[in-house]
Amino acid sequence: MLCVYLFIFTAVSLSLSAAAIPGVERPPADCERPKNFPEWKSKSLVEKINLRRWLMVQGKQKNGPLESYLPVGENVVEMLSTNLPSQTSEERKLSQKYSSEETF
């Protein structure tokens, strides 16, 4: 019986979500030009992701607010952007920073 109710609930939900709202006209999509993501935001995002990946490979990536660390990553590749060179200086900076410190 529960399956029947679940099926009916799903069917009603899907039909309501696809239906147009009466009295509301949606504007046409603006497909003539793509939305541009700023280059500085893209660079910043990729650098932050690569930093976290690098820390995970080193075994120094914290597990959220906990005092523990994530397991060491294997086969983790660096993310690249069309705006970034293939090698960043981020790893060198981090390596120098963390090699002088005993604890993270």
PDB file of N, CA and C in Angstrom:
ATOM      1  N   MET A   1       0.821  -1.187   0.000  1.00  0.00           N
ATOM      2  CA  MET A   1       0.000   0.000   0.000  1.00  0.00           C
ATOM      3  C   MET A   1       0.870   1.257   0.000  1.00  0.00           C
ATOM      4  N   LEU A   2       1.977   1.183   0.721  1.00  0.00           N
ATOM      5  CA  LEU A   2       2.883   2.319   0.768  1.00  0.00           C
ATOM      6  C   LEU A   2       3.426   2.640  -0.620  1.00  0.00           C
ATOM      7  N   CYS A   3       3.702   1.614  -1.405  1.00  0.00           N
ATOM      8  CA  CYS A   3       4.211   1.820  -2.766  1.00  0.00           C
ATOM      9  C   CYS A   3       3.188   2.557  -3.625  1.00  0.00           C
ATOM     10  N   VAL A   4       1.917   2.263  -3.436  1.00  0.00           N
ATOM     11  CA  VAL A   4       0.862   2.935  -4.208  1.00  0.00           C
ATOM     12  C   VAL A   4       0.838   4.417  -3.861  1.00  0.00           C
ATOM     13  N   TYR A   5       0.901   4.738  -2.561  1.00  0.00           N
ATOM     14  CA  TYR A   5       0.902   6.141  -2.145  1.00  0.00           C
ATOM     15  C   TYR A   5       2.151   6.866  -2.661  1.00  0.00           C
ATOM     16  N   LEU A   6       3.272   6.190  -2.600  1.00  0.00           N
ATOM     17  CA  LEU A   6       4.509   6.785  -3.094  1.00  0.00           C
ATOM     18  C   LEU A   6       4.423   7.063  -4.586  1.00  0.00           C
ATOM     19  N   PHE A   7       3.873   6.129  -5.339  1.00  0.00           N
ATOM     20  CA  PHE A   7       3.713   6.319  -6.777  1.00  0.00           C
ATOM     21  C   PHE A   7       2.786   7.497  -7.072  1.00  0.00           C
ATOM     22  N   ILE A   8       1.661   7.581  -6.369  1.00  0.00           N
ATOM     23  CA  ILE A   8       0.707   8.674  -6.594  1.00  0.00           C
ATOM     24  C   ILE A   8       1.346  10.012  -6.220  1.00  0.00           C
ATOM     25  N   PHE A   9       2.042  10.059  -5.099  1.00  0.00           N
ATOM     26  CA  PHE A   9       2.695  11.293  -4.671  1.00  0.00           C
ATOM     27  C   PHE A   9       3.733  11.749  -5.699  1.00  0.00           C
ATOM     28  N   THR A  10       4.508  10.816  -6.228  1.00  0.00           N
ATOM     29  CA  THR A  10       5.522  11.136  -7.233  1.00  0.00           C
ATOM     30  C   THR A  10       4.882  11.648  -8.507  1.00  0.00           C
ATOM     31  N   ALA A  11       3.821  10.997  -8.958  1.00  0.00           N
ATOM     32  CA  ALA A  11       3.152  11.411 -10.189  1.00  0.00           C
ATOM     33  C   ALA A  11       2.555  12.806 -10.045  1.00  0.00           C
ATOM     34  N   VAL A  12       1.935  13.083  -8.921  1.00  0.00           N
ATOM     35  CA  VAL A  12       1.338  14.407  -8.700  1.00  0.00           C
ATOM     36  C   VAL A  12       2.427  15.469  -8.605  1.00  0.00           C
ATOM     37  N   SER A  13       3.514  15.179  -7.901  1.00  0.00           N
ATOM     38  CA  SER A  13       4.606  16.144  -7.758  1.00  0.00           C
ATOM     39  C   SER A  13       5.221  16.484  -9.103  1.00  0.00           C
ATOM     40  N   LEU A  14       5.460  15.481  -9.925  1.00  0.00           N
ATOM     41  CA  LEU A  14       6.056  15.723 -11.232  1.00  0.00           C
ATOM     42  C   LEU A  14       5.124  16.502 -12.139  1.00  0.00           C
ATOM     43  N   SER A  15       3.848  16.220 -12.088  1.00  0.00           N
ATOM     44  CA  SER A  15       2.918  16.934 -12.963  1.00  0.00           C
ATOM     45  C   SER A  15       2.779  18.388 -12.535  1.00  0.00           C
ATOM     46  N   LEU A  16       2.848  18.667 -11.243  1.00  0.00           N
ATOM     47  CA  LEU A  16       2.734  20.049 -10.778  1.00  0.00           C
ATOM     48  C   LEU A  16       4.002  20.847 -11.053  1.00  0.00           C
ATOM     49  N   SER A  17       5.149  20.211 -10.963  1.00  0.00           N
ATOM     50  CA  SER A  17       6.390  20.944 -11.187  1.00  0.00           C
ATOM     51  C   SER A  17       6.583  21.300 -12.653  1.00  0.00           C
ATOM     52  N   ALA A  18       6.046  20.519 -13.559  1.00  0.00           N
ATOM     53  CA  ALA A  18       6.203  20.786 -14.987  1.00  0.00           C
ATOM     54  C   ALA A  18       5.118  21.711 -15.517  1.00  0.00           C
ATOM     55  N   ALA A  19       4.056  21.901 -14.752  1.00  0.00           N
ATOM     56  CA  ALA A  19       2.942  22.725 -15.219  1.00  0.00           C
ATOM     57  C   ALA A  19       3.306  24.200 -15.121  1.00  0.00           C
ATOM     58  N   ALA A  20       2.761  24.976 -16.044  1.00  0.00           N
ATOM     59  CA  ALA A  20       2.959  26.416 -16.019  1.00  0.00           C
ATOM     60  C   ALA A  20       2.082  27.024 -14.933  1.00  0.00           C
ATOM     61  N   ILE A  21       2.572  28.085 -14.328  1.00  0.00           N
ATOM     62  CA  ILE A  21       1.797  28.771 -13.303  1.00  0.00           C
ATOM     63  C   ILE A  21       0.786  29.663 -14.012  1.00  0.00           C
ATOM     64  N   PRO A  22      -0.500  29.529 -13.692  1.00  0.00           N
ATOM     65  CA  PRO A  22      -1.518  30.335 -14.373  1.00  0.00           C
ATOM     66  C   PRO A  22      -1.319  31.826 -14.111  1.00  0.00           C
ATOM     67  N   GLY A  23      -1.404  32.624 -15.171  1.00  0.00           N
ATOM     68  CA  GLY A  23      -1.300  34.071 -15.049  1.00  0.00           C
ATOM     69  C   GLY A  23       0.118  34.597 -14.992  1.00  0.00           C
ATOM     70  N   VAL A  24       1.097  33.723 -15.035  1.00  0.00           N
ATOM     71  CA  VAL A  24       2.494  34.161 -14.977  1.00  0.00           C
ATOM     72  C   VAL A  24       3.162  33.811 -16.290  1.00  0.00           C
ATOM     73  N   GLU A  25       3.744  34.825 -16.910  1.00  0.00           N
ATOM     74  CA  GLU A  25       4.434  34.600 -18.176  1.00  0.00           C
ATOM     75  C   GLU A  25       5.933  34.606 -17.919  1.00  0.00           C
ATOM     76  N   ARG A  26       6.596  33.589 -18.365  1.00  0.00           N
ATOM     77  CA  ARG A  26       8.037  33.506 -18.168  1.00  0.00           C
ATOM     78  C   ARG A  26       8.745  34.211 -19.320  1.00  0.00           C
ATOM     79  N   PRO A  27       9.823  34.938 -19.008  1.00  0.00           N
ATOM     80  CA  PRO A  27      10.563  35.599 -20.084  1.00  0.00           C
ATOM     81  C   PRO A  27      11.292  34.563 -20.926  1.00  0.00           C
ATOM     82  N   PRO A  28      11.518  34.868 -22.197  1.00  0.00           N
ATOM     83  CA  PRO A  28      12.248  33.914 -23.037  1.00  0.00           C
ATOM     84  C   PRO A  28      13.707  33.801 -22.578  1.00  0.00           C
ATOM     85  N   ALA A  29      14.292  32.665 -22.842  1.00  0.00           N
ATOM     86  CA  ALA A  29      15.684  32.435 -22.454  1.00  0.00           C
ATOM     87  C   ALA A  29      16.609  33.327 -23.261  1.00  0.00           C
ATOM     88  N   ASP A  30      17.663  33.808 -22.617  1.00  0.00           N
ATOM     89  CA  ASP A  30      18.651  34.652 -23.279  1.00  0.00           C
ATOM     90  C   ASP A  30      19.793  33.762 -23.767  1.00  0.00           C
ATOM     91  N   CYS A  31      19.602  33.172 -24.932  1.00  0.00           N
ATOM     92  CA  CYS A  31      20.586  32.233 -25.463  1.00  0.00           C
ATOM     93  C   CYS A  31      21.499  32.852 -26.513  1.00  0.00           C
ATOM     94  N   GLU A  32      21.343  34.135 -26.759  1.00  0.00           N
ATOM     95  CA  GLU A  32      22.152  34.765 -27.800  1.00  0.00           C
ATOM     96  C   GLU A  32      23.605  34.914 -27.379  1.00  0.00           C
ATOM     97  N   ARG A  33      23.837  35.140 -26.110  1.00  0.00           N
ATOM     98  CA  ARG A  33      25.217  35.280 -25.650  1.00  0.00           C
ATOM     99  C   ARG A  33      25.393  34.489 -24.358  1.00  0.00           C
ATOM    100  N   PRO A  34      26.511  33.819 -24.198  1.00  0.00           N
ATOM    101  CA  PRO A  34      26.737  33.027 -22.986  1.00  0.00           C
ATOM    102  C   PRO A  34      27.059  33.931 -21.798  1.00  0.00           C
ATOM    103  N   LYS A  35      26.775  33.441 -20.637  1.00  0.00           N
ATOM    104  CA  LYS A  35      27.148  34.156 -19.416  1.00  0.00           C
ATOM    105  C   LYS A  35      28.628  33.898 -19.173  1.00  0.00           C
ATOM    106  N   ASN A  36      29.377  34.943 -18.953  1.00  0.00           N
ATOM    107  CA  ASN A  36      30.816  34.806 -18.738  1.00  0.00           C
ATOM    108  C   ASN A  36      31.124  34.710 -17.255  1.00  0.00           C
ATOM    109  N   PHE A  37      31.918  33.715 -16.901  1.00  0.00           N
ATOM    110  CA  PHE A  37      32.398  33.559 -15.533  1.00  0.00           C
ATOM    111  C   PHE A  37      33.717  34.311 -15.468  1.00  0.00           C
ATOM    112  N   PRO A  38      33.850  35.288 -14.565  1.00  0.00           N
ATOM    113  CA  PRO A  38      35.076  36.094 -14.526  1.00  0.00           C
ATOM    114  C   PRO A  38      36.329  35.236 -14.357  1.00  0.00           C
ATOM    115  N   GLU A  39      37.381  35.637 -15.040  1.00  0.00           N
ATOM    116  CA  GLU A  39      38.635  34.874 -15.015  1.00  0.00           C
ATOM    117  C   GLU A  39      39.221  34.804 -13.605  1.00  0.00           C
ATOM    118  N   TRP A  40      39.154  35.892 -12.862  1.00  0.00           N
ATOM    119  CA  TRP A  40      39.730  35.894 -11.514  1.00  0.00           C
ATOM    120  C   TRP A  40      38.975  34.948 -10.589  1.00  0.00           C
ATOM    121  N   LYS A  41      37.660  34.815 -10.782  1.00  0.00           N
ATOM    122  CA  LYS A  41      36.899  33.870  -9.963  1.00  0.00           C
ATOM    123  C   LYS A  41      37.268  32.437 -10.332  1.00  0.00           C
ATOM    124  N   SER A  42      37.438  32.205 -11.622  1.00  0.00           N
ATOM    125  CA  SER A  42      37.807  30.874 -12.087  1.00  0.00           C
ATOM    126  C   SER A  42      39.172  30.477 -11.533  1.00  0.00           C
ATOM    127  N   LYS A  43      40.131  31.395 -11.621  1.00  0.00           N
ATOM    128  CA  LYS A  43      41.471  31.131 -11.104  1.00  0.00           C
ATOM    129  C   LYS A  43      41.436  30.848  -9.614  1.00  0.00           C
ATOM    130  N   SER A  44      40.707  31.679  -8.896  1.00  0.00           N
ATOM    131  CA  SER A  44      40.623  31.529  -7.448  1.00  0.00           C
ATOM    132  C   SER A  44      40.002  30.193  -7.069  1.00  0.00           C
ATOM    133  N   LEU A  45      38.942  29.819  -7.756  1.00  0.00           N
ATOM    134  CA  LEU A  45      38.255  28.562  -7.472  1.00  0.00           C
ATOM    135  C   LEU A  45      39.159  27.360  -7.740  1.00  0.00           C
ATOM    136  N   VAL A  46      39.830  27.365  -8.875  1.00  0.00           N
ATOM    137  CA  VAL A  46      40.714  26.246  -9.231  1.00  0.00           C
ATOM    138  C   VAL A  46      41.891  26.166  -8.264  1.00  0.00           C
ATOM    139  N   GLU A  47      42.439  27.315  -7.865  1.00  0.00           N
ATOM    140  CA  GLU A  47      43.554  27.308  -6.920  1.00  0.00           C
ATOM    141  C   GLU A  47      43.131  26.743  -5.565  1.00  0.00           C
ATOM    142  N   LYS A  48      41.937  27.109  -5.098  1.00  0.00           N
ATOM    143  CA  LYS A  48      41.456  26.594  -3.809  1.00  0.00           C
ATOM    144  C   LYS A  48      41.230  25.087  -3.870  1.00  0.00           C
ATOM    145  N   ILE A  49      40.668  24.620  -4.971  1.00  0.00           N
ATOM    146  CA  ILE A  49      40.433  23.181  -5.122  1.00  0.00           C
ATOM    147  C   ILE A  49      41.763  22.434  -5.167  1.00  0.00           C
ATOM    148  N   ASN A  50      42.717  22.960  -5.932  1.00  0.00           N
ATOM    149  CA  ASN A  50      44.028  22.313  -6.022  1.00  0.00           C
ATOM    150  C   ASN A  50      44.756  22.326  -4.675  1.00  0.00           C
ATOM    151  N   LEU A  51      44.595  23.400  -3.908  1.00  0.00           N
ATOM    152  CA  LEU A  51      45.204  23.464  -2.580  1.00  0.00           C
ATOM    153  C   LEU A  51      44.649  22.355  -1.692  1.00  0.00           C
ATOM    154  N   ARG A  52      43.340  22.187  -1.695  1.00  0.00           N
ATOM    155  CA  ARG A  52      42.711  21.145  -0.874  1.00  0.00           C
ATOM    156  C   ARG A  52      43.129  19.755  -1.343  1.00  0.00           C
ATOM    157  N   ARG A  53      43.230  19.570  -2.641  1.00  0.00           N
ATOM    158  CA  ARG A  53      43.663  18.267  -3.167  1.00  0.00           C
ATOM    159  C   ARG A  53      45.104  17.979  -2.762  1.00  0.00           C
ATOM    160  N   TRP A  54      45.957  18.998  -2.857  1.00  0.00           N
ATOM    161  CA  TRP A  54      47.354  18.819  -2.510  1.00  0.00           C
ATOM    162  C   TRP A  54      47.492  18.470  -1.028  1.00  0.00           C
ATOM    163  N   LEU A  55      46.709  19.165  -0.174  1.00  0.00           N
ATOM    164  CA  LEU A  55      46.746  18.862   1.257  1.00  0.00           C
ATOM    165  C   LEU A  55      46.254  17.448   1.532  1.00  0.00           C
ATOM    166  N   MET A  56      45.258  16.989   0.769  1.00  0.00           N
ATOM    167  CA  MET A  56      44.743  15.635   0.964  1.00  0.00           C
ATOM    168  C   MET A  56      45.805  14.599   0.592  1.00  0.00           C
ATOM    169  N   VAL A  57      46.530  14.834  -0.482  1.00  0.00           N
ATOM    170  CA  VAL A  57      47.587  13.910  -0.897  1.00  0.00           C
ATOM    171  C   VAL A  57      48.687  13.865   0.166  1.00  0.00           C
ATOM    172  N   GLN A  58      48.962  15.000   0.800  1.00  0.00           N
ATOM    173  CA  GLN A  58      49.981  15.058   1.848  1.00  0.00           C
ATOM    174  C   GLN A  58      49.479  14.504   3.181  1.00  0.00           C
ATOM    175  N   GLY A  59      48.159  14.271   3.284  1.00  0.00           N
ATOM    176  CA  GLY A  59      47.585  13.784   4.535  1.00  0.00           C
ATOM    177  C   GLY A  59      47.352  14.880   5.548  1.00  0.00           C
ATOM    178  N   LYS A  60      47.280  16.136   5.090  1.00  0.00           N
ATOM    179  CA  LYS A  60      47.130  17.281   5.987  1.00  0.00           C
ATOM    180  C   LYS A  60      45.793  17.997   5.822  1.00  0.00           C
ATOM    181  N   GLN A  61      44.854  17.406   5.095  1.00  0.00           N
ATOM    182  CA  GLN A  61      43.547  18.034   4.889  1.00  0.00           C
ATOM    183  C   GLN A  61      42.632  17.686   6.052  1.00  0.00           C
ATOM    184  N   LYS A  62      42.193  18.708   6.791  1.00  0.00           N
ATOM    185  CA  LYS A  62      41.311  18.485   7.942  1.00  0.00           C
ATOM    186  C   LYS A  62      39.968  17.954   7.480  1.00  0.00           C
ATOM    187  N   ASN A  63      39.345  17.164   8.339  1.00  0.00           N
ATOM    188  CA  ASN A  63      38.039  16.575   8.057  1.00  0.00           C
ATOM    189  C   ASN A  63      36.958  17.467   8.662  1.00  0.00           C
ATOM    190  N   GLY A  64      36.698  18.593   8.016  1.00  0.00           N
ATOM    191  CA  GLY A  64      35.692  19.528   8.509  1.00  0.00           C
ATOM    192  C   GLY A  64      36.115  20.117   9.841  1.00  0.00           C
ATOM    193  N   PRO A  65      35.152  20.307  10.762  1.00  0.00           N
ATOM    194  CA  PRO A  65      35.491  20.900  12.057  1.00  0.00           C
ATOM    195  C   PRO A  65      36.133  19.904  13.031  1.00  0.00           C
ATOM    196  N   LEU A  66      36.241  18.647  12.634  1.00  0.00           N
ATOM    197  CA  LEU A  66      36.826  17.627  13.506  1.00  0.00           C
ATOM    198  C   LEU A  66      38.335  17.806  13.604  1.00  0.00           C
ATOM    199  N   GLU A  67      38.915  17.200  14.617  1.00  0.00           N
ATOM    200  CA  GLU A  67      40.367  17.260  14.792  1.00  0.00           C
ATOM    201  C   GLU A  67      41.092  16.238  13.925  1.00  0.00           C
ATOM    202  N   SER A  68      40.352  15.367  13.259  1.00  0.00           N
ATOM    203  CA  SER A  68      40.983  14.327  12.443  1.00  0.00           C
ATOM    204  C   SER A  68      41.253  14.850  11.034  1.00  0.00           C
ATOM    205  N   TYR A  69      42.022  14.072  10.298  1.00  0.00           N
ATOM    206  CA  TYR A  69      42.366  14.422   8.926  1.00  0.00           C
ATOM    207  C   TYR A  69      41.728  13.424   7.970  1.00  0.00           C
ATOM    208  N   LEU A  70      41.547  13.849   6.730  1.00  0.00           N
ATOM    209  CA  LEU A  70      41.027  12.948   5.706  1.00  0.00           C
ATOM    210  C   LEU A  70      42.073  11.889   5.380  1.00  0.00           C
ATOM    211  N   PRO A  71      41.645  10.735   4.860  1.00  0.00           N
ATOM    212  CA  PRO A  71      42.623   9.734   4.435  1.00  0.00           C
ATOM    213  C   PRO A  71      43.501  10.296   3.313  1.00  0.00           C
ATOM    214  N   VAL A  72      44.703   9.783   3.225  1.00  0.00           N
ATOM    215  CA  VAL A  72      45.630  10.232   2.186  1.00  0.00           C
ATOM    216  C   VAL A  72      45.057   9.884   0.817  1.00  0.00           C
ATOM    217  N   GLY A  73      45.075  10.852  -0.080  1.00  0.00           N
ATOM    218  CA  GLY A  73      44.538  10.637  -1.419  1.00  0.00           C
ATOM    219  C   GLY A  73      45.547   9.966  -2.329  1.00  0.00           C
ATOM    220  N   GLU A  74      45.048   9.134  -3.223  1.00  0.00           N
ATOM    221  CA  GLU A  74      45.893   8.474  -4.218  1.00  0.00           C
ATOM    222  C   GLU A  74      45.333   8.772  -5.596  1.00  0.00           C
ATOM    223  N   ASN A  75      46.190   8.886  -6.564  1.00  0.00           N
ATOM    224  CA  ASN A  75      45.800   9.168  -7.947  1.00  0.00           C
ATOM    225  C   ASN A  75      44.960  10.435  -8.053  1.00  0.00           C
ATOM    226  N   VAL A  76      45.341  11.460  -7.322  1.00  0.00           N
ATOM    227  CA  VAL A  76      44.642  12.743  -7.353  1.00  0.00           C
ATOM    228  C   VAL A  76      45.369  13.639  -8.340  1.00  0.00           C
ATOM    229  N   VAL A  77      44.648  14.128  -9.323  1.00  0.00           N
ATOM    230  CA  VAL A  77      45.265  14.980 -10.336  1.00  0.00           C
ATOM    231  C   VAL A  77      44.925  16.437 -10.070  1.00  0.00           C
ATOM    232  N   GLU A  78      45.789  17.300 -10.546  1.00  0.00           N
ATOM    233  CA  GLU A  78      45.585  18.733 -10.395  1.00  0.00           C
ATOM    234  C   GLU A  78      44.565  19.215 -11.418  1.00  0.00           C
ATOM    235  N   MET A  79      43.650  20.062 -10.974  1.00  0.00           N
ATOM    236  CA  MET A  79      42.683  20.649 -11.901  1.00  0.00           C
ATOM    237  C   MET A  79      43.364  21.764 -12.671  1.00  0.00           C
ATOM    238  N   LEU A  80      43.052  21.851 -13.937  1.00  0.00           N
ATOM    239  CA  LEU A  80      43.587  22.915 -14.770  1.00  0.00           C
ATOM    240  C   LEU A  80      42.447  23.715 -15.357  1.00  0.00           C
ATOM    241  N   SER A  81      42.716  24.955 -15.622  1.00  0.00           N
ATOM    242  CA  SER A  81      41.746  25.822 -16.272  1.00  0.00           C
ATOM    243  C   SER A  81      42.372  26.297 -17.570  1.00  0.00           C
ATOM    244  N   THR A  82      41.546  26.710 -18.495  1.00  0.00           N
ATOM    245  CA  THR A  82      42.091  27.238 -19.745  1.00  0.00           C
ATOM    246  C   THR A  82      42.823  28.536 -19.487  1.00  0.00           C
ATOM    247  N   ASN A  83      42.563  29.161 -18.349  1.00  0.00           N
ATOM    248  CA  ASN A  83      43.196  30.430 -18.015  1.00  0.00           C
ATOM    249  C   ASN A  83      44.477  30.253 -17.209  1.00  0.00           C
ATOM    250  N   LEU A  84      44.753  29.030 -16.771  1.00  0.00           N
ATOM    251  CA  LEU A  84      45.905  28.796 -15.911  1.00  0.00           C
ATOM    252  C   LEU A  84      47.007  28.041 -16.637  1.00  0.00           C
ATOM    253  N   PRO A  85      48.262  28.314 -16.290  1.00  0.00           N
ATOM    254  CA  PRO A  85      49.335  27.482 -16.828  1.00  0.00           C
ATOM    255  C   PRO A  85      49.269  26.092 -16.201  1.00  0.00           C
ATOM    256  N   SER A  86      49.959  25.134 -16.810  1.00  0.00           N
ATOM    257  CA  SER A  86      49.869  23.757 -16.323  1.00  0.00           C
ATOM    258  C   SER A  86      50.526  23.581 -14.958  1.00  0.00           C
ATOM    259  N   GLN A  87      51.500  24.389 -14.624  1.00  0.00           N
ATOM    260  CA  GLN A  87      52.153  24.299 -13.320  1.00  0.00           C
ATOM    261  C   GLN A  87      51.893  25.585 -12.546  1.00  0.00           C
ATOM    262  N   THR A  88      51.473  25.445 -11.304  1.00  0.00           N
ATOM    263  CA  THR A  88      51.272  26.619 -10.457  1.00  0.00           C
ATOM    264  C   THR A  88      52.351  26.645  -9.391  1.00  0.00           C
ATOM    265  N   SER A  89      52.573  27.802  -8.854  1.00  0.00           N
ATOM    266  CA  SER A  89      53.577  27.937  -7.802  1.00  0.00           C
ATOM    267  C   SER A  89      52.988  27.623  -6.439  1.00  0.00           C
ATOM    268  N   GLU A  90      51.706  27.298  -6.399  1.00  0.00           N
ATOM    269  CA  GLU A  90      51.017  27.020  -5.139  1.00  0.00           C
ATOM    270  C   GLU A  90      51.658  25.850  -4.396  1.00  0.00           C
ATOM    271  N   GLU A  91      52.002  24.790  -5.105  1.00  0.00           N
ATOM    272  CA  GLU A  91      52.609  23.625  -4.455  1.00  0.00           C
ATOM    273  C   GLU A  91      53.960  23.975  -3.852  1.00  0.00           C
ATOM    274  N   ARG A  92      54.746  24.763  -4.583  1.00  0.00           N
ATOM    275  CA  ARG A  92      56.060  25.138  -4.061  1.00  0.00           C
ATOM    276  C   ARG A  92      55.918  25.971  -2.789  1.00  0.00           C
ATOM    277  N   LYS A  93      54.964  26.913  -2.796  1.00  0.00           N
ATOM    278  CA  LYS A  93      54.747  27.751  -1.618  1.00  0.00           C
ATOM    279  C   LYS A  93      54.321  26.898  -0.427  1.00  0.00           C
ATOM    280  N   LEU A  94      53.385  25.990  -0.665  1.00  0.00           N
ATOM    281  CA  LEU A  94      52.898  25.145   0.421  1.00  0.00           C
ATOM    282  C   LEU A  94      53.976  24.208   0.928  1.00  0.00           C
ATOM    283  N   SER A  95      54.768  23.680   0.016  1.00  0.00           N
ATOM    284  CA  SER A  95      55.830  22.765   0.402  1.00  0.00           C
ATOM    285  C   SER A  95      56.826  23.467   1.318  1.00  0.00           C
ATOM    286  N   GLN A  96      57.201  24.691   0.962  1.00  0.00           N
ATOM    287  CA  GLN A  96      58.132  25.452   1.787  1.00  0.00           C
ATOM    288  C   GLN A  96      57.504  25.804   3.128  1.00  0.00           C
ATOM    289  N   LYS A  97      56.226  26.145   3.106  1.00  0.00           N
ATOM    290  CA  LYS A  97      55.544  26.552   4.333  1.00  0.00           C
ATOM    291  C   LYS A  97      55.424  25.390   5.307  1.00  0.00           C
ATOM    292  N   TYR A  98      54.986  24.229   4.814  1.00  0.00           N
ATOM    293  CA  TYR A  98      54.707  23.106   5.694  1.00  0.00           C
ATOM    294  C   TYR A  98      55.934  22.263   6.008  1.00  0.00           C
ATOM    295  N   SER A  99      56.987  22.382   5.216  1.00  0.00           N
ATOM    296  CA  SER A  99      58.185  21.610   5.534  1.00  0.00           C
ATOM    297  C   SER A  99      58.885  22.179   6.765  1.00  0.00           C
ATOM    298  N   SER A 100      58.674  23.469   7.035  1.00  0.00           N
ATOM    299  CA  SER A 100      59.307  24.075   8.205  1.00  0.00           C
ATOM    300  C   SER A 100      58.485  23.880   9.474  1.00  0.00           C
ATOM    301  N   GLU A 101      57.212  23.471   9.333  1.00  0.00           N
ATOM    302  CA  GLU A 101      56.344  23.287  10.496  1.00  0.00           C
ATOM    303  C   GLU A 101      56.207  21.804  10.817  1.00  0.00           C
ATOM    304  N   GLU A 102      56.211  21.486  12.107  1.00  0.00           N
ATOM    305  CA  GLU A 102      56.034  20.102  12.541  1.00  0.00           C
ATOM    306  C   GLU A 102      54.573  19.700  12.454  1.00  0.00           C
ATOM    307  N   THR A 103      53.693  20.561  12.968  1.00  0.00           N
ATOM    308  CA  THR A 103      52.263  20.249  12.981  1.00  0.00           C
ATOM    309  C   THR A 103      51.531  21.207  12.077  1.00  0.00           C
ATOM    310  N   PHE A 104      50.379  20.796  11.676  1.00  0.00           N
ATOM    311  CA  PHE A 104      49.569  21.606  10.767  1.00  0.00           C
ATOM    312  C   PHE A 104      48.626  22.467  11.538  1.00  0.00           C
TER     313      PHE A 104
END
